[in-house]
mmCIF file of all heavy atoms, coordinates in Angstrom:
data_MODEL
# 
_entry.id   MODEL 
# 
loop_
_atom_site.group_PDB 
_atom_site.id 
_atom_site.type_symbol 
_atom_site.label_atom_id 
_atom_site.label_alt_id 
_atom_site.label_comp_id 
_atom_site.label_asym_id 
_atom_site.label_entity_id 
_atom_site.label_seq_id 
_atom_site.pdbx_PDB_ins_code 
_atom_site.Cartn_x 
_atom_site.Cartn_y 
_atom_site.Cartn_z 
_atom_site.occupancy 
_atom_site.B_iso_or_equiv 
_atom_site.pdbx_formal_charge 
_atom_site.auth_seq_id 
_atom_site.auth_comp_id 
_atom_site.auth_asym_id 
_atom_site.auth_atom_id 
_atom_site.pdbx_PDB_model_num 
ATOM 1   N N   . ARG A 1 1  ? -131.052 6.675   89.673  1.00 0.00 ? 1  ARG A N   1 
ATOM 2   C CA  . ARG A 1 1  ? -131.274 6.489   88.266  1.00 0.00 ? 1  ARG A CA  1 
ATOM 3   C C   . ARG A 1 1  ? -130.133 5.588   87.685  1.00 0.00 ? 1  ARG A C   1 
ATOM 4   O O   . ARG A 1 1  ? -130.413 4.608   86.931  1.00 0.00 ? 1  ARG A O   1 
ATOM 5   C CB  . ARG A 1 1  ? -131.229 7.875   87.506  1.00 0.00 ? 1  ARG A CB  1 
ATOM 6   C CG  . ARG A 1 1  ? -131.363 7.762   86.031  1.00 0.00 ? 1  ARG A CG  1 
ATOM 7   C CD  . ARG A 1 1  ? -132.747 7.436   85.579  1.00 0.00 ? 1  ARG A CD  1 
ATOM 8   N NE  . ARG A 1 1  ? -132.885 7.287   84.160  1.00 0.00 ? 1  ARG A NE  1 
ATOM 9   C CZ  . ARG A 1 1  ? -134.048 7.116   83.525  1.00 0.00 ? 1  ARG A CZ  1 
ATOM 10  N NH1 . ARG A 1 1  ? -135.157 7.102   84.212  1.00 0.00 ? 1  ARG A NH1 1 
ATOM 11  N NH2 . ARG A 1 1  ? -134.047 6.996   82.250  1.00 0.00 ? 1  ARG A NH2 1 
ATOM 12  N N   . ALA A 1 2  ? -128.908 5.797   88.045  1.00 0.00 ? 2  ALA A N   1 
ATOM 13  C CA  . ALA A 1 2  ? -127.800 5.002   87.579  1.00 0.00 ? 2  ALA A CA  1 
ATOM 14  C C   . ALA A 1 2  ? -127.898 3.570   88.045  1.00 0.00 ? 2  ALA A C   1 
ATOM 15  O O   . ALA A 1 2  ? -127.706 2.636   87.299  1.00 0.00 ? 2  ALA A O   1 
ATOM 16  C CB  . ALA A 1 2  ? -126.461 5.589   88.022  1.00 0.00 ? 2  ALA A CB  1 
ATOM 17  N N   . TYR A 1 3  ? -128.349 3.399   89.342  1.00 0.00 ? 3  TYR A N   1 
ATOM 18  C CA  . TYR A 1 3  ? -128.492 2.056   89.882  1.00 0.00 ? 3  TYR A CA  1 
ATOM 19  C C   . TYR A 1 3  ? -129.564 1.317   89.113  1.00 0.00 ? 3  TYR A C   1 
ATOM 20  O O   . TYR A 1 3  ? -129.341 0.120   88.746  1.00 0.00 ? 3  TYR A O   1 
ATOM 21  C CB  . TYR A 1 3  ? -128.897 2.240   91.333  1.00 0.00 ? 3  TYR A CB  1 
ATOM 22  C CG  . TYR A 1 3  ? -129.156 0.981   92.092  1.00 0.00 ? 3  TYR A CG  1 
ATOM 23  C CD1 . TYR A 1 3  ? -128.136 0.304   92.789  1.00 0.00 ? 3  TYR A CD1 1 
ATOM 24  C CD2 . TYR A 1 3  ? -130.429 0.321   92.109  1.00 0.00 ? 3  TYR A CD2 1 
ATOM 25  C CE1 . TYR A 1 3  ? -128.396 -0.912  93.471  1.00 0.00 ? 3  TYR A CE1 1 
ATOM 26  C CE2 . TYR A 1 3  ? -130.678 -0.801  92.786  1.00 0.00 ? 3  TYR A CE2 1 
ATOM 27  C CZ  . TYR A 1 3  ? -129.643 -1.441  93.520  1.00 0.00 ? 3  TYR A CZ  1 
ATOM 28  O OH  . TYR A 1 3  ? -129.891 -2.591  94.142  1.00 0.00 ? 3  TYR A OH  1 
ATOM 29  N N   . LEU A 1 4  ? -130.745 1.911   88.940  1.00 0.00 ? 4  LEU A N   1 
ATOM 30  C CA  . LEU A 1 4  ? -131.825 1.203   88.252  1.00 0.00 ? 4  LEU A CA  1 
ATOM 31  C C   . LEU A 1 4  ? -131.531 0.997   86.768  1.00 0.00 ? 4  LEU A C   1 
ATOM 32  O O   . LEU A 1 4  ? -131.983 0.027   86.223  1.00 0.00 ? 4  LEU A O   1 
ATOM 33  C CB  . LEU A 1 4  ? -133.106 2.005   88.446  1.00 0.00 ? 4  LEU A CB  1 
ATOM 34  C CG  . LEU A 1 4  ? -133.629 2.077   89.883  1.00 0.00 ? 4  LEU A CG  1 
ATOM 35  C CD1 . LEU A 1 4  ? -134.890 2.910   89.973  1.00 0.00 ? 4  LEU A CD1 1 
ATOM 36  C CD2 . LEU A 1 4  ? -133.953 0.656   90.407  1.00 0.00 ? 4  LEU A CD2 1 
ATOM 37  N N   . THR A 1 5  ? -130.785 1.895   86.174  1.00 0.00 ? 5  THR A N   1 
ATOM 38  C CA  . THR A 1 5  ? -130.404 1.746   84.777  1.00 0.00 ? 5  THR A CA  1 
ATOM 39  C C   . THR A 1 5  ? -129.499 0.491   84.651  1.00 0.00 ? 5  THR A C   1 
ATOM 40  O O   . THR A 1 5  ? -129.620 -0.298  83.715  1.00 0.00 ? 5  THR A O   1 
ATOM 41  C CB  . THR A 1 5  ? -129.744 2.936   84.166  1.00 0.00 ? 5  THR A CB  1 
ATOM 42  O OG1 . THR A 1 5  ? -130.610 4.045   84.283  1.00 0.00 ? 5  THR A OG1 1 
ATOM 43  C CG2 . THR A 1 5  ? -129.351 2.700   82.681  1.00 0.00 ? 5  THR A CG2 1 
ATOM 44  N N   . SER A 1 6  ? -128.555 0.300   85.610  1.00 0.00 ? 6  SER A N   1 
ATOM 45  C CA  . SER A 1 6  ? -127.722 -0.852  85.625  1.00 0.00 ? 6  SER A CA  1 
ATOM 46  C C   . SER A 1 6  ? -128.526 -2.147  85.764  1.00 0.00 ? 6  SER A C   1 
ATOM 47  O O   . SER A 1 6  ? -128.226 -3.121  85.106  1.00 0.00 ? 6  SER A O   1 
ATOM 48  C CB  . SER A 1 6  ? -126.681 -0.740  86.788  1.00 0.00 ? 6  SER A CB  1 
ATOM 49  O OG  . SER A 1 6  ? -125.807 0.359   86.566  1.00 0.00 ? 6  SER A OG  1 
ATOM 50  N N   . VAL A 1 7  ? -129.552 -2.069  86.591  1.00 0.00 ? 7  VAL A N   1 
ATOM 51  C CA  . VAL A 1 7  ? -130.382 -3.273  86.794  1.00 0.00 ? 7  VAL A CA  1 
ATOM 52  C C   . VAL A 1 7  ? -131.122 -3.530  85.476  1.00 0.00 ? 7  VAL A C   1 
ATOM 53  O O   . VAL A 1 7  ? -131.282 -4.688  85.064  1.00 0.00 ? 7  VAL A O   1 
ATOM 54  C CB  . VAL A 1 7  ? -131.350 -3.092  87.952  1.00 0.00 ? 7  VAL A CB  1 
ATOM 55  C CG1 . VAL A 1 7  ? -132.328 -4.233  88.002  1.00 0.00 ? 7  VAL A CG1 1 
ATOM 56  C CG2 . VAL A 1 7  ? -130.589 -2.979  89.254  1.00 0.00 ? 7  VAL A CG2 1 
ATOM 57  N N   . ALA A 1 8  ? -131.562 -2.475  84.851  1.00 0.00 ? 8  ALA A N   1 
ATOM 58  C CA  . ALA A 1 8  ? -132.381 -2.667  83.574  1.00 0.00 ? 8  ALA A CA  1 
ATOM 59  C C   . ALA A 1 8  ? -131.541 -3.259  82.484  1.00 0.00 ? 8  ALA A C   1 
ATOM 60  O O   . ALA A 1 8  ? -131.985 -4.152  81.729  1.00 0.00 ? 8  ALA A O   1 
ATOM 61  C CB  . ALA A 1 8  ? -132.912 -1.295  83.147  1.00 0.00 ? 8  ALA A CB  1 
ATOM 62  N N   . VAL A 1 9  ? -130.277 -2.835  82.350  1.00 0.00 ? 9  VAL A N   1 
ATOM 63  C CA  . VAL A 1 9  ? -129.455 -3.317  81.230  1.00 0.00 ? 9  VAL A CA  1 
ATOM 64  C C   . VAL A 1 9  ? -128.616 -4.520  81.504  1.00 0.00 ? 9  VAL A C   1 
ATOM 65  O O   . VAL A 1 9  ? -128.187 -5.248  80.653  1.00 0.00 ? 9  VAL A O   1 
ATOM 66  C CB  . VAL A 1 9  ? -128.542 -2.173  80.652  1.00 0.00 ? 9  VAL A CB  1 
ATOM 67  C CG1 . VAL A 1 9  ? -129.445 -0.999  80.162  1.00 0.00 ? 9  VAL A CG1 1 
ATOM 68  C CG2 . VAL A 1 9  ? -127.610 -1.698  81.689  1.00 0.00 ? 9  VAL A CG2 1 
ATOM 69  N N   . ARG A 1 10 ? -128.371 -4.811  82.860  1.00 0.00 ? 10 ARG A N   1 
ATOM 70  C CA  . ARG A 1 10 ? -127.515 -5.900  83.184  1.00 0.00 ? 10 ARG A CA  1 
ATOM 71  C C   . ARG A 1 10 ? -128.268 -7.010  83.946  1.00 0.00 ? 10 ARG A C   1 
ATOM 72  O O   . ARG A 1 10 ? -127.749 -8.149  84.054  1.00 0.00 ? 10 ARG A O   1 
ATOM 73  C CB  . ARG A 1 10 ? -126.327 -5.414  84.065  1.00 0.00 ? 10 ARG A CB  1 
ATOM 74  C CG  . ARG A 1 10 ? -125.377 -4.524  83.318  1.00 0.00 ? 10 ARG A CG  1 
ATOM 75  C CD  . ARG A 1 10 ? -124.382 -3.923  84.289  1.00 0.00 ? 10 ARG A CD  1 
ATOM 76  N NE  . ARG A 1 10 ? -123.705 -4.911  85.070  1.00 0.00 ? 10 ARG A NE  1 
ATOM 77  C CZ  . ARG A 1 10 ? -123.109 -4.718  86.254  1.00 0.00 ? 10 ARG A CZ  1 
ATOM 78  N NH1 . ARG A 1 10 ? -123.143 -3.518  86.747  1.00 0.00 ? 10 ARG A NH1 1 
ATOM 79  N NH2 . ARG A 1 10 ? -122.566 -5.699  86.892  1.00 0.00 ? 10 ARG A NH2 1 
ATOM 80  N N   . GLY A 1 11 ? -129.381 -6.716  84.541  1.00 0.00 ? 11 GLY A N   1 
ATOM 81  C CA  . GLY A 1 11 ? -130.156 -7.750  85.247  1.00 0.00 ? 11 GLY A CA  1 
ATOM 82  C C   . GLY A 1 11 ? -129.917 -7.643  86.713  1.00 0.00 ? 11 GLY A C   1 
ATOM 83  O O   . GLY A 1 11 ? -129.175 -6.783  87.238  1.00 0.00 ? 11 GLY A O   1 
ATOM 84  N N   . VAL A 1 12 ? -130.537 -8.593  87.442  1.00 0.00 ? 12 VAL A N   1 
ATOM 85  C CA  . VAL A 1 12 ? -130.419 -8.492  88.937  1.00 0.00 ? 12 VAL A CA  1 
ATOM 86  C C   . VAL A 1 12 ? -129.062 -8.829  89.502  1.00 0.00 ? 12 VAL A C   1 
ATOM 87  O O   . VAL A 1 12 ? -128.750 -8.569  90.631  1.00 0.00 ? 12 VAL A O   1 
ATOM 88  C CB  . VAL A 1 12 ? -131.453 -9.552  89.568  1.00 0.00 ? 12 VAL A CB  1 
ATOM 89  C CG1 . VAL A 1 12 ? -132.862 -9.145  89.271  1.00 0.00 ? 12 VAL A CG1 1 
ATOM 90  C CG2 . VAL A 1 12 ? -131.182 -10.929 89.078  1.00 0.00 ? 12 VAL A CG2 1 
ATOM 91  N N   . HIS A 1 13 ? -128.097 -9.370  88.658  1.00 0.00 ? 13 HIS A N   1 
ATOM 92  C CA  . HIS A 1 13 ? -126.795 -9.535  89.166  1.00 0.00 ? 13 HIS A CA  1 
ATOM 93  C C   . HIS A 1 13 ? -126.085 -8.160  89.359  1.00 0.00 ? 13 HIS A C   1 
ATOM 94  O O   . HIS A 1 13 ? -124.993 -8.114  89.970  1.00 0.00 ? 13 HIS A O   1 
ATOM 95  C CB  . HIS A 1 13 ? -125.935 -10.378 88.220  1.00 0.00 ? 13 HIS A CB  1 
ATOM 96  C CG  . HIS A 1 13 ? -125.659 -9.823  86.905  1.00 0.00 ? 13 HIS A CG  1 
ATOM 97  N ND1 . HIS A 1 13 ? -126.521 -9.927  85.831  1.00 0.00 ? 13 HIS A ND1 1 
ATOM 98  C CD2 . HIS A 1 13 ? -124.600 -9.037  86.413  1.00 0.00 ? 13 HIS A CD2 1 
ATOM 99  C CE1 . HIS A 1 13 ? -126.005 -9.297  84.747  1.00 0.00 ? 13 HIS A CE1 1 
ATOM 100 N NE2 . HIS A 1 13 ? -124.895 -8.729  85.113  1.00 0.00 ? 13 HIS A NE2 1 
ATOM 101 N N   . ALA A 1 14 ? -126.700 -7.095  88.883  1.00 0.00 ? 14 ALA A N   1 
ATOM 102 C CA  . ALA A 1 14 ? -126.136 -5.713  89.070  1.00 0.00 ? 14 ALA A CA  1 
ATOM 103 C C   . ALA A 1 14 ? -126.579 -5.194  90.440  1.00 0.00 ? 14 ALA A C   1 
ATOM 104 O O   . ALA A 1 14 ? -126.067 -4.168  90.854  1.00 0.00 ? 14 ALA A O   1 
ATOM 105 C CB  . ALA A 1 14 ? -126.591 -4.778  87.983  1.00 0.00 ? 14 ALA A CB  1 
ATOM 106 N N   . VAL A 1 15 ? -127.484 -5.903  91.124  1.00 0.00 ? 15 VAL A N   1 
ATOM 107 C CA  . VAL A 1 15 ? -127.945 -5.452  92.419  1.00 0.00 ? 15 VAL A CA  1 
ATOM 108 C C   . VAL A 1 15 ? -126.820 -5.602  93.465  1.00 0.00 ? 15 VAL A C   1 
ATOM 109 O O   . VAL A 1 15 ? -126.164 -6.672  93.542  1.00 0.00 ? 15 VAL A O   1 
ATOM 110 C CB  . VAL A 1 15 ? -129.182 -6.246  92.893  1.00 0.00 ? 15 VAL A CB  1 
ATOM 111 C CG1 . VAL A 1 15 ? -129.604 -5.920  94.307  1.00 0.00 ? 15 VAL A CG1 1 
ATOM 112 C CG2 . VAL A 1 15 ? -130.337 -5.973  91.922  1.00 0.00 ? 15 VAL A CG2 1 
ATOM 113 N N   . GLY A 1 16 ? -126.596 -4.587  94.317  1.00 0.00 ? 16 GLY A N   1 
ATOM 114 C CA  . GLY A 1 16 ? -125.534 -4.629  95.261  1.00 0.00 ? 16 GLY A CA  1 
ATOM 115 C C   . GLY A 1 16 ? -125.922 -5.229  96.598  1.00 0.00 ? 16 GLY A C   1 
ATOM 116 O O   . GLY A 1 16 ? -125.078 -5.769  97.273  1.00 0.00 ? 16 GLY A O   1 
ATOM 117 N N   . GLU A 1 17 ? -127.166 -5.150  96.961  1.00 0.00 ? 17 GLU A N   1 
ATOM 118 C CA  . GLU A 1 17 ? -127.601 -5.612  98.293  1.00 0.00 ? 17 GLU A CA  1 
ATOM 119 C C   . GLU A 1 17 ? -127.628 -7.164  98.326  1.00 0.00 ? 17 GLU A C   1 
ATOM 120 O O   . GLU A 1 17 ? -128.329 -7.747  97.548  1.00 0.00 ? 17 GLU A O   1 
ATOM 121 C CB  . GLU A 1 17 ? -128.952 -5.067  98.640  1.00 0.00 ? 17 GLU A CB  1 
ATOM 122 C CG  . GLU A 1 17 ? -128.988 -3.548  98.806  1.00 0.00 ? 17 GLU A CG  1 
ATOM 123 C CD  . GLU A 1 17 ? -129.252 -2.798  97.500  1.00 0.00 ? 17 GLU A CD  1 
ATOM 124 O OE1 . GLU A 1 17 ? -129.066 -3.413  96.462  1.00 0.00 ? 17 GLU A OE1 1 
ATOM 125 O OE2 . GLU A 1 17 ? -129.635 -1.644  97.547  1.00 0.00 ? 17 GLU A OE2 1 
ATOM 126 N N   . PRO A 1 18 ? -126.921 -7.719  99.279  1.00 0.00 ? 18 PRO A N   1 
ATOM 127 C CA  . PRO A 1 18 ? -126.898 -9.199  99.333  1.00 0.00 ? 18 PRO A CA  1 
ATOM 128 C C   . PRO A 1 18 ? -128.294 -9.784  99.566  1.00 0.00 ? 18 PRO A C   1 
ATOM 129 O O   . PRO A 1 18 ? -128.602 -10.887 99.057  1.00 0.00 ? 18 PRO A O   1 
ATOM 130 C CB  . PRO A 1 18 ? -125.942 -9.493  100.570 1.00 0.00 ? 18 PRO A CB  1 
ATOM 131 C CG  . PRO A 1 18 ? -125.119 -8.280  100.660 1.00 0.00 ? 18 PRO A CG  1 
ATOM 132 C CD  . PRO A 1 18 ? -125.984 -7.149  100.207 1.00 0.00 ? 18 PRO A CD  1 
ATOM 133 N N   . GLN A 1 19 ? -129.119 -9.115  100.427 1.00 0.00 ? 19 GLN A N   1 
ATOM 134 C CA  . GLN A 1 19 ? -130.428 -9.677  100.698 1.00 0.00 ? 19 GLN A CA  1 
ATOM 135 C C   . GLN A 1 19 ? -131.304 -9.691  99.493  1.00 0.00 ? 19 GLN A C   1 
ATOM 136 O O   . GLN A 1 19 ? -132.024 -10.671 99.239  1.00 0.00 ? 19 GLN A O   1 
ATOM 137 C CB  . GLN A 1 19 ? -131.125 -8.847  101.825 1.00 0.00 ? 19 GLN A CB  1 
ATOM 138 C CG  . GLN A 1 19 ? -132.560 -9.274  102.080 1.00 0.00 ? 19 GLN A CG  1 
ATOM 139 C CD  . GLN A 1 19 ? -133.155 -8.559  103.312 1.00 0.00 ? 19 GLN A CD  1 
ATOM 140 O OE1 . GLN A 1 19 ? -132.484 -8.340  104.275 1.00 0.00 ? 19 GLN A OE1 1 
ATOM 141 N NE2 . GLN A 1 19 ? -134.416 -8.223  103.188 1.00 0.00 ? 19 GLN A NE2 1 
ATOM 142 N N   . VAL A 1 20 ? -131.219 -8.656  98.643  1.00 0.00 ? 20 VAL A N   1 
ATOM 143 C CA  . VAL A 1 20 ? -132.038 -8.601  97.433  1.00 0.00 ? 20 VAL A CA  1 
ATOM 144 C C   . VAL A 1 20 ? -131.504 -9.702  96.447  1.00 0.00 ? 20 VAL A C   1 
ATOM 145 O O   . VAL A 1 20 ? -132.312 -10.356 95.728  1.00 0.00 ? 20 VAL A O   1 
ATOM 146 C CB  . VAL A 1 20 ? -132.015 -7.211  96.785  1.00 0.00 ? 20 VAL A CB  1 
ATOM 147 C CG1 . VAL A 1 20 ? -132.787 -7.222  95.497  1.00 0.00 ? 20 VAL A CG1 1 
ATOM 148 C CG2 . VAL A 1 20 ? -132.615 -6.186  97.787  1.00 0.00 ? 20 VAL A CG2 1 
ATOM 149 N N   . ARG A 1 21 ? -130.211 -9.811  96.295  1.00 0.00 ? 21 ARG A N   1 
ATOM 150 C CA  . ARG A 1 21 ? -129.639 -10.806 95.464  1.00 0.00 ? 21 ARG A CA  1 
ATOM 151 C C   . ARG A 1 21 ? -130.095 -12.223 95.897  1.00 0.00 ? 21 ARG A C   1 
ATOM 152 O O   . ARG A 1 21 ? -130.432 -13.064 95.034  1.00 0.00 ? 21 ARG A O   1 
ATOM 153 C CB  . ARG A 1 21 ? -128.143 -10.728 95.413  1.00 0.00 ? 21 ARG A CB  1 
ATOM 154 C CG  . ARG A 1 21 ? -127.621 -9.468  94.745  1.00 0.00 ? 21 ARG A CG  1 
ATOM 155 C CD  . ARG A 1 21 ? -126.120 -9.360  94.943  1.00 0.00 ? 21 ARG A CD  1 
ATOM 156 N NE  . ARG A 1 21 ? -125.402 -10.446 94.215  1.00 0.00 ? 21 ARG A NE  1 
ATOM 157 C CZ  . ARG A 1 21 ? -124.902 -10.318 93.018  1.00 0.00 ? 21 ARG A CZ  1 
ATOM 158 N NH1 . ARG A 1 21 ? -125.035 -9.181  92.343  1.00 0.00 ? 21 ARG A NH1 1 
ATOM 159 N NH2 . ARG A 1 21 ? -124.274 -11.289 92.473  1.00 0.00 ? 21 ARG A NH2 1 
ATOM 160 N N   . ALA A 1 22 ? -130.091 -12.489 97.216  1.00 0.00 ? 22 ALA A N   1 
ATOM 161 C CA  . ALA A 1 22 ? -130.550 -13.774 97.676  1.00 0.00 ? 22 ALA A CA  1 
ATOM 162 C C   . ALA A 1 22 ? -132.007 -14.011 97.396  1.00 0.00 ? 22 ALA A C   1 
ATOM 163 O O   . ALA A 1 22 ? -132.432 -15.084 97.074  1.00 0.00 ? 22 ALA A O   1 
ATOM 164 C CB  . ALA A 1 22 ? -130.304 -13.835 99.196  1.00 0.00 ? 22 ALA A CB  1 
ATOM 165 N N   . ALA A 1 23 ? -132.781 -12.908 97.463  1.00 0.00 ? 23 ALA A N   1 
ATOM 166 C CA  . ALA A 1 23 ? -134.253 -13.024 97.213  1.00 0.00 ? 23 ALA A CA  1 
ATOM 167 C C   . ALA A 1 23 ? -134.475 -13.504 95.754  1.00 0.00 ? 23 ALA A C   1 
ATOM 168 O O   . ALA A 1 23 ? -135.318 -14.355 95.475  1.00 0.00 ? 23 ALA A O   1 
ATOM 169 C CB  . ALA A 1 23 ? -134.948 -11.693 97.456  1.00 0.00 ? 23 ALA A CB  1 
ATOM 170 N N   . PHE A 1 24 ? -133.715 -12.967 94.858  1.00 0.00 ? 24 PHE A N   1 
ATOM 171 C CA  . PHE A 1 24 ? -133.876 -13.333 93.419  1.00 0.00 ? 24 PHE A CA  1 
ATOM 172 C C   . PHE A 1 24 ? -133.220 -14.676 93.051  1.00 0.00 ? 24 PHE A C   1 
ATOM 173 O O   . PHE A 1 24 ? -133.399 -15.163 91.982  1.00 0.00 ? 24 PHE A O   1 
ATOM 174 C CB  . PHE A 1 24 ? -133.345 -12.254 92.517  1.00 0.00 ? 24 PHE A CB  1 
ATOM 175 C CG  . PHE A 1 24 ? -134.259 -11.091 92.316  1.00 0.00 ? 24 PHE A CG  1 
ATOM 176 C CD1 . PHE A 1 24 ? -134.176 -9.949  93.136  1.00 0.00 ? 24 PHE A CD1 1 
ATOM 177 C CD2 . PHE A 1 24 ? -135.231 -11.108 91.390  1.00 0.00 ? 24 PHE A CD2 1 
ATOM 178 C CE1 . PHE A 1 24 ? -135.025 -8.896  92.960  1.00 0.00 ? 24 PHE A CE1 1 
ATOM 179 C CE2 . PHE A 1 24 ? -136.164 -10.107 91.201  1.00 0.00 ? 24 PHE A CE2 1 
ATOM 180 C CZ  . PHE A 1 24 ? -136.044 -8.973  92.016  1.00 0.00 ? 24 PHE A CZ  1 
ATOM 181 N N   . ALA A 1 25 ? -132.538 -15.281 94.012  1.00 0.00 ? 25 ALA A N   1 
ATOM 182 C CA  . ALA A 1 25 ? -131.962 -16.589 93.785  1.00 0.00 ? 25 ALA A CA  1 
ATOM 183 C C   . ALA A 1 25 ? -133.050 -17.639 93.782  1.00 0.00 ? 25 ALA A C   1 
ATOM 184 O O   . ALA A 1 25 ? -132.947 -18.719 93.188  1.00 0.00 ? 25 ALA A O   1 
ATOM 185 C CB  . ALA A 1 25 ? -130.935 -16.942 94.808  1.00 0.00 ? 25 ALA A CB  1 
ATOM 186 N N   . HIS A 1 26 ? -134.216 -17.347 94.397  1.00 0.00 ? 26 HIS A N   1 
ATOM 187 C CA  . HIS A 1 26 ? -135.353 -18.253 94.493  1.00 0.00 ? 26 HIS A CA  1 
ATOM 188 C C   . HIS A 1 26 ? -136.309 -17.934 93.326  1.00 0.00 ? 26 HIS A C   1 
ATOM 189 O O   . HIS A 1 26 ? -137.362 -17.367 93.495  1.00 0.00 ? 26 HIS A O   1 
ATOM 190 C CB  . HIS A 1 26 ? -136.121 -18.070 95.797  1.00 0.00 ? 26 HIS A CB  1 
ATOM 191 C CG  . HIS A 1 26 ? -135.273 -18.360 96.991  1.00 0.00 ? 26 HIS A CG  1 
ATOM 192 N ND1 . HIS A 1 26 ? -135.214 -19.602 97.580  1.00 0.00 ? 26 HIS A ND1 1 
ATOM 193 C CD2 . HIS A 1 26 ? -134.432 -17.576 97.723  1.00 0.00 ? 26 HIS A CD2 1 
ATOM 194 C CE1 . HIS A 1 26 ? -134.361 -19.573 98.643  1.00 0.00 ? 26 HIS A CE1 1 
ATOM 195 N NE2 . HIS A 1 26 ? -133.879 -18.369 98.726  1.00 0.00 ? 26 HIS A NE2 1 
ATOM 196 N N   . ARG A 1 27 ? -135.874 -18.272 92.079  1.00 0.00 ? 27 ARG A N   1 
ATOM 197 C CA  . ARG A 1 27 ? -136.632 -17.923 90.884  1.00 0.00 ? 27 ARG A CA  1 
ATOM 198 C C   . ARG A 1 27 ? -136.939 -19.127 90.095  1.00 0.00 ? 27 ARG A C   1 
ATOM 199 O O   . ARG A 1 27 ? -136.217 -20.100 90.075  1.00 0.00 ? 27 ARG A O   1 
ATOM 200 C CB  . ARG A 1 27 ? -135.924 -16.860 90.042  1.00 0.00 ? 27 ARG A CB  1 
ATOM 201 C CG  . ARG A 1 27 ? -135.653 -15.579 90.753  1.00 0.00 ? 27 ARG A CG  1 
ATOM 202 C CD  . ARG A 1 27 ? -135.301 -14.523 89.759  1.00 0.00 ? 27 ARG A CD  1 
ATOM 203 N NE  . ARG A 1 27 ? -134.096 -14.853 88.992  1.00 0.00 ? 27 ARG A NE  1 
ATOM 204 C CZ  . ARG A 1 27 ? -133.620 -14.126 88.034  1.00 0.00 ? 27 ARG A CZ  1 
ATOM 205 N NH1 . ARG A 1 27 ? -134.272 -13.001 87.670  1.00 0.00 ? 27 ARG A NH1 1 
ATOM 206 N NH2 . ARG A 1 27 ? -132.542 -14.489 87.433  1.00 0.00 ? 27 ARG A NH2 1 
# 
């Protein structure tokens, strides 16, 4: 819940996993 709330209020730069962050770089 805390993790997803951080993503909700801060955006994908709050994501900790490098692979997921790299995936969203292709936007």
